[in-house]
């Protein structure tokens, strides 16, 4: 799980998220969620994130390719959930990332 600000920068994440992306918090926090995803994910997710930010939905689920470290990939299911602030403005997004069963263990 990761918490994103309205600009889709990672504010915080749990140990499972860091394990999946195989990067430390110092390298991930403050960076765009797209920095831990394969470039192909931007095309798929940008419309979902746009709908959340404009109030045209409260959540989405999408399968994408994510990056493990800087040179490996894995298939993941991403759930994005809008977090509303005052006046129903988007204050952030909670992202749940689940590695597919075929690649849920970290390669050695």
N, C-alpha and C. Protein backbone atom coordinates (compact mmCIF):
# COMPACT_ATOMS: atom_id res chain seq x y z
N UNK A 1 0.85 -1.18 0.00
CA UNK A 1 0.00 0.00 0.00
C UNK A 1 0.89 1.24 0.00
N UNK A 2 0.48 2.22 -0.76
CA UNK A 2 1.19 3.49 -0.79
C UNK A 2 0.18 4.63 -0.73
N UNK A 3 0.59 5.72 -0.12
CA UNK A 3 -0.22 6.92 -0.04
C UNK A 3 0.39 7.95 -0.98
N UNK A 4 -0.45 8.47 -1.90
CA UNK A 4 0.00 9.45 -2.88
C UNK A 4 -0.61 10.80 -2.59
N UNK A 5 0.12 11.87 -2.88
CA UNK A 5 -0.46 13.21 -2.79
C UNK A 5 -1.26 13.46 -4.08
N UNK A 6 -1.98 14.59 -4.17
CA UNK A 6 -2.78 14.84 -5.37
C UNK A 6 -1.96 14.89 -6.67
N UNK A 7 -0.65 15.15 -6.58
CA UNK A 7 0.22 15.14 -7.75
C UNK A 7 0.79 13.77 -8.07
N UNK A 8 0.29 12.73 -7.37
CA UNK A 8 0.67 11.33 -7.57
C UNK A 8 2.10 11.03 -7.12
N UNK A 9 2.61 11.84 -6.20
CA UNK A 9 3.92 11.54 -5.60
C UNK A 9 3.71 10.67 -4.37
N UNK A 10 4.57 9.70 -4.19
CA UNK A 10 4.47 8.77 -3.07
C UNK A 10 4.88 9.48 -1.79
N UNK A 11 3.93 9.58 -0.85
CA UNK A 11 4.20 10.21 0.44
C UNK A 11 4.69 9.20 1.46
N UNK A 12 4.12 8.01 1.43
CA UNK A 12 4.48 6.95 2.37
C UNK A 12 4.02 5.62 1.78
N UNK A 13 4.60 4.55 2.26
CA UNK A 13 4.21 3.21 1.81
C UNK A 13 4.55 2.20 2.90
N UNK A 14 3.94 1.03 2.81
CA UNK A 14 4.23 0.00 3.80
C UNK A 14 5.35 -0.91 3.30
N UNK A 15 5.79 -1.81 4.16
CA UNK A 15 6.91 -2.69 3.85
C UNK A 15 6.64 -3.57 2.63
N UNK A 16 5.41 -4.04 2.46
CA UNK A 16 5.09 -4.87 1.29
C UNK A 16 5.30 -4.12 -0.01
N UNK A 17 4.91 -2.85 -0.04
CA UNK A 17 5.10 -2.05 -1.24
C UNK A 17 6.58 -1.93 -1.58
N UNK A 18 7.39 -1.60 -0.58
CA UNK A 18 8.84 -1.47 -0.81
C UNK A 18 9.45 -2.81 -1.22
N UNK A 19 8.94 -3.91 -0.67
CA UNK A 19 9.43 -5.23 -1.05
C UNK A 19 9.10 -5.53 -2.51
N UNK A 20 7.87 -5.21 -2.92
CA UNK A 20 7.47 -5.46 -4.31
C UNK A 20 8.33 -4.67 -5.30
N UNK A 21 8.59 -3.41 -5.00
CA UNK A 21 9.35 -2.59 -5.94
C UNK A 21 10.86 -2.70 -5.72
N UNK A 22 11.25 -3.41 -4.67
CA UNK A 22 12.67 -3.68 -4.37
C UNK A 22 13.52 -2.41 -4.34
N UNK A 23 12.97 -1.39 -3.69
CA UNK A 23 13.70 -0.12 -3.51
C UNK A 23 13.42 0.39 -2.10
N UNK A 24 14.39 1.10 -1.52
CA UNK A 24 14.19 1.63 -0.16
C UNK A 24 13.28 2.87 -0.17
N UNK A 25 12.74 3.18 0.99
CA UNK A 25 11.85 4.33 1.11
C UNK A 25 12.55 5.63 0.70
N UNK A 26 13.85 5.74 0.97
CA UNK A 26 14.58 6.96 0.63
C UNK A 26 14.64 7.18 -0.88
N UNK A 27 14.51 6.12 -1.65
CA UNK A 27 14.55 6.23 -3.10
C UNK A 27 13.15 6.41 -3.70
N UNK A 28 12.13 5.97 -2.98
CA UNK A 28 10.77 5.95 -3.53
C UNK A 28 9.93 7.15 -3.06
N UNK A 29 9.98 7.46 -1.78
CA UNK A 29 9.13 8.54 -1.26
C UNK A 29 9.51 9.88 -1.89
N UNK A 30 8.49 10.62 -2.28
CA UNK A 30 8.71 11.90 -2.95
C UNK A 30 8.74 11.77 -4.47
N UNK A 31 8.79 10.56 -4.97
CA UNK A 31 8.83 10.32 -6.42
C UNK A 31 7.42 10.03 -6.93
N UNK A 32 7.22 10.17 -8.21
CA UNK A 32 5.94 9.86 -8.84
C UNK A 32 5.68 8.36 -8.78
N UNK A 33 4.42 7.99 -8.65
CA UNK A 33 4.05 6.57 -8.69
C UNK A 33 4.52 5.95 -10.00
N UNK A 34 4.57 6.75 -11.05
CA UNK A 34 5.00 6.23 -12.36
C UNK A 34 6.48 5.82 -12.36
N UNK A 35 7.26 6.32 -11.40
CA UNK A 35 8.67 5.95 -11.32
C UNK A 35 8.88 4.51 -10.89
N UNK A 36 7.87 3.88 -10.29
CA UNK A 36 7.98 2.48 -9.89
C UNK A 36 7.16 1.56 -10.78
N UNK A 37 6.62 2.12 -11.84
CA UNK A 37 5.84 1.35 -12.80
C UNK A 37 6.54 1.33 -14.15
N UNK A 38 6.26 0.32 -14.92
CA UNK A 38 6.78 0.25 -16.28
C UNK A 38 6.19 1.42 -17.08
N UNK A 39 6.93 1.99 -18.04
CA UNK A 39 6.40 3.12 -18.81
C UNK A 39 5.04 2.86 -19.46
N UNK A 40 4.74 1.62 -19.78
CA UNK A 40 3.44 1.30 -20.39
C UNK A 40 2.27 1.56 -19.44
N UNK A 41 2.52 1.57 -18.14
CA UNK A 41 1.45 1.77 -17.16
C UNK A 41 0.89 3.18 -17.20
N UNK A 42 1.70 4.15 -17.59
CA UNK A 42 1.23 5.55 -17.64
C UNK A 42 0.03 5.69 -18.56
N UNK A 43 0.08 5.06 -19.71
CA UNK A 43 -1.02 5.14 -20.66
C UNK A 43 -2.31 4.59 -20.06
N UNK A 44 -2.20 3.48 -19.36
CA UNK A 44 -3.37 2.83 -18.78
C UNK A 44 -3.89 3.58 -17.57
N UNK A 45 -3.00 4.03 -16.70
CA UNK A 45 -3.42 4.61 -15.42
C UNK A 45 -3.75 6.10 -15.46
N UNK A 46 -3.23 6.83 -16.42
CA UNK A 46 -3.45 8.28 -16.41
C UNK A 46 -4.93 8.64 -16.46
N UNK A 47 -5.71 7.91 -17.24
CA UNK A 47 -7.14 8.19 -17.31
C UNK A 47 -7.83 7.84 -15.98
N UNK A 48 -7.42 6.76 -15.36
CA UNK A 48 -8.01 6.39 -14.06
C UNK A 48 -7.72 7.46 -13.01
N UNK A 49 -6.46 7.90 -12.93
CA UNK A 49 -6.11 8.93 -11.95
C UNK A 49 -6.82 10.25 -12.26
N UNK A 50 -6.98 10.55 -13.54
CA UNK A 50 -7.69 11.76 -13.94
C UNK A 50 -9.15 11.71 -13.47
N UNK A 51 -9.78 10.56 -13.63
CA UNK A 51 -11.18 10.41 -13.18
C UNK A 51 -11.29 10.58 -11.67
N UNK A 52 -10.32 10.05 -10.93
CA UNK A 52 -10.35 10.23 -9.48
C UNK A 52 -10.22 11.71 -9.12
N UNK A 53 -9.32 12.41 -9.79
CA UNK A 53 -9.06 13.82 -9.44
C UNK A 53 -10.23 14.73 -9.79
N UNK A 54 -11.03 14.34 -10.79
CA UNK A 54 -12.16 15.18 -11.18
C UNK A 54 -13.47 14.73 -10.55
N UNK A 55 -13.39 13.72 -9.67
CA UNK A 55 -14.59 13.27 -8.98
C UNK A 55 -15.47 12.34 -9.79
N UNK A 56 -14.98 11.84 -10.91
CA UNK A 56 -15.76 10.93 -11.76
C UNK A 56 -15.55 9.47 -11.38
N UNK A 57 -15.32 9.23 -10.15
CA UNK A 57 -15.13 7.88 -9.64
C UNK A 57 -14.41 7.96 -8.31
N UNK A 58 -14.57 6.92 -7.51
CA UNK A 58 -13.92 6.91 -6.21
C UNK A 58 -12.82 5.85 -6.13
N UNK A 59 -12.81 4.92 -7.11
CA UNK A 59 -11.78 3.89 -7.10
C UNK A 59 -11.66 3.26 -8.48
N UNK A 60 -10.56 2.56 -8.69
CA UNK A 60 -10.36 1.77 -9.91
C UNK A 60 -9.48 0.58 -9.60
N UNK A 61 -9.55 -0.42 -10.45
CA UNK A 61 -8.69 -1.59 -10.37
C UNK A 61 -8.16 -1.84 -11.77
N UNK A 62 -6.85 -2.02 -11.87
CA UNK A 62 -6.23 -2.22 -13.20
C UNK A 62 -5.01 -3.11 -13.05
N UNK A 63 -4.79 -3.97 -14.01
CA UNK A 63 -3.57 -4.79 -14.04
C UNK A 63 -2.53 -4.05 -14.87
N UNK A 64 -1.32 -3.92 -14.31
CA UNK A 64 -0.24 -3.19 -14.97
C UNK A 64 1.08 -3.95 -14.80
N UNK A 65 2.09 -3.47 -15.48
CA UNK A 65 3.44 -3.98 -15.30
C UNK A 65 4.18 -2.97 -14.42
N UNK A 66 4.78 -3.47 -13.35
CA UNK A 66 5.52 -2.61 -12.42
C UNK A 66 7.00 -2.99 -12.47
N UNK A 67 7.80 -2.10 -11.92
CA UNK A 67 9.25 -2.32 -11.90
C UNK A 67 9.68 -2.88 -10.54
N UNK A 68 10.50 -3.91 -10.58
CA UNK A 68 11.13 -4.43 -9.37
C UNK A 68 12.59 -4.04 -9.47
N UNK A 69 12.99 -3.09 -8.64
CA UNK A 69 14.32 -2.52 -8.79
C UNK A 69 14.33 -1.64 -10.04
N UNK A 70 15.45 -1.62 -10.73
CA UNK A 70 15.55 -0.78 -11.93
C UNK A 70 15.55 -1.58 -13.22
N UNK A 71 15.66 -2.92 -13.11
CA UNK A 71 15.83 -3.69 -14.34
C UNK A 71 14.95 -4.93 -14.45
N UNK A 72 14.03 -5.13 -13.51
CA UNK A 72 13.13 -6.27 -13.58
C UNK A 72 11.69 -5.78 -13.54
N UNK A 73 10.79 -6.58 -14.07
CA UNK A 73 9.38 -6.21 -14.09
C UNK A 73 8.55 -7.33 -13.45
N UNK A 74 7.35 -6.96 -13.05
CA UNK A 74 6.39 -7.95 -12.57
C UNK A 74 4.98 -7.44 -12.85
N UNK A 75 4.05 -8.36 -12.98
CA UNK A 75 2.66 -8.03 -13.22
C UNK A 75 1.99 -7.77 -11.88
N UNK A 76 1.22 -6.69 -11.81
CA UNK A 76 0.57 -6.33 -10.56
C UNK A 76 -0.84 -5.83 -10.81
N UNK A 77 -1.69 -6.05 -9.83
CA UNK A 77 -3.02 -5.46 -9.85
C UNK A 77 -2.96 -4.23 -8.96
N UNK A 78 -3.32 -3.09 -9.52
CA UNK A 78 -3.30 -1.81 -8.81
C UNK A 78 -4.74 -1.39 -8.52
N UNK A 79 -5.03 -1.10 -7.26
CA UNK A 79 -6.31 -0.52 -6.88
C UNK A 79 -6.02 0.89 -6.40
N UNK A 80 -6.66 1.86 -7.00
CA UNK A 80 -6.52 3.25 -6.59
C UNK A 80 -7.80 3.73 -5.94
N UNK A 81 -7.69 4.33 -4.77
CA UNK A 81 -8.86 4.80 -4.02
C UNK A 81 -8.68 6.28 -3.71
N UNK A 82 -9.64 7.08 -4.14
CA UNK A 82 -9.59 8.53 -3.90
C UNK A 82 -9.78 8.83 -2.42
N UNK A 83 -8.99 9.77 -1.91
CA UNK A 83 -9.13 10.26 -0.55
C UNK A 83 -9.59 11.71 -0.67
N UNK A 84 -10.76 11.98 -0.14
CA UNK A 84 -11.34 13.33 -0.25
C UNK A 84 -10.97 14.18 0.95
N UNK A 85 -10.73 15.45 0.68
CA UNK A 85 -10.46 16.41 1.74
C UNK A 85 -11.67 17.29 1.95
N UNK A 86 -11.44 18.48 2.43
CA UNK A 86 -12.52 19.43 2.64
C UNK A 86 -13.13 19.83 1.30
N UNK A 87 -14.44 19.97 1.28
CA UNK A 87 -15.12 20.39 0.06
C UNK A 87 -15.09 19.35 -1.04
N UNK A 88 -14.87 18.11 -0.69
CA UNK A 88 -14.80 17.00 -1.64
C UNK A 88 -13.66 17.10 -2.63
N UNK A 89 -12.67 17.96 -2.37
CA UNK A 89 -11.48 18.02 -3.22
C UNK A 89 -10.63 16.79 -2.96
N UNK A 90 -9.94 16.33 -3.98
CA UNK A 90 -9.04 15.19 -3.83
C UNK A 90 -7.86 15.60 -2.97
N UNK A 91 -7.64 14.89 -1.87
CA UNK A 91 -6.49 15.20 -1.03
C UNK A 91 -5.38 14.17 -1.20
N UNK A 92 -5.68 13.09 -1.90
CA UNK A 92 -4.68 12.07 -2.16
C UNK A 92 -5.30 10.82 -2.71
N UNK A 93 -4.46 9.83 -2.92
CA UNK A 93 -4.90 8.54 -3.44
C UNK A 93 -4.17 7.45 -2.66
N UNK A 94 -4.92 6.45 -2.23
CA UNK A 94 -4.31 5.27 -1.64
C UNK A 94 -4.21 4.23 -2.75
N UNK A 95 -3.02 3.66 -2.92
CA UNK A 95 -2.78 2.66 -3.95
C UNK A 95 -2.44 1.34 -3.29
N UNK A 96 -3.20 0.32 -3.64
CA UNK A 96 -2.91 -1.04 -3.20
C UNK A 96 -2.31 -1.77 -4.39
N UNK A 97 -1.13 -2.33 -4.22
CA UNK A 97 -0.46 -3.05 -5.29
C UNK A 97 -0.29 -4.50 -4.87
N UNK A 98 -0.85 -5.39 -5.67
CA UNK A 98 -0.76 -6.81 -5.39
C UNK A 98 -0.07 -7.50 -6.56
N UNK A 99 1.06 -8.12 -6.29
CA UNK A 99 1.76 -8.85 -7.34
C UNK A 99 0.92 -10.07 -7.71
N UNK A 100 0.90 -10.39 -8.99
CA UNK A 100 0.17 -11.58 -9.45
C UNK A 100 0.79 -12.81 -8.81
N UNK A 101 -0.01 -13.83 -8.63
CA UNK A 101 0.43 -15.06 -7.96
C UNK A 101 1.67 -15.66 -8.63
N UNK A 102 1.78 -15.53 -9.94
CA UNK A 102 2.89 -16.13 -10.66
C UNK A 102 4.22 -15.45 -10.35
N UNK A 103 4.17 -14.26 -9.78
CA UNK A 103 5.42 -13.54 -9.52
C UNK A 103 5.40 -12.83 -8.18
N UNK A 104 4.69 -13.38 -7.21
CA UNK A 104 4.57 -12.71 -5.92
C UNK A 104 5.79 -12.87 -5.04
N UNK A 105 6.64 -13.84 -5.33
CA UNK A 105 7.86 -13.96 -4.54
C UNK A 105 8.97 -13.14 -5.18
N UNK A 106 9.81 -12.60 -4.34
CA UNK A 106 10.90 -11.78 -4.83
C UNK A 106 12.01 -12.68 -5.38
N UNK A 107 12.42 -12.49 -6.64
CA UNK A 107 13.49 -13.31 -7.20
C UNK A 107 14.79 -13.07 -6.46
N UNK A 108 15.64 -14.08 -6.44
CA UNK A 108 16.93 -13.93 -5.78
C UNK A 108 18.02 -13.62 -6.77
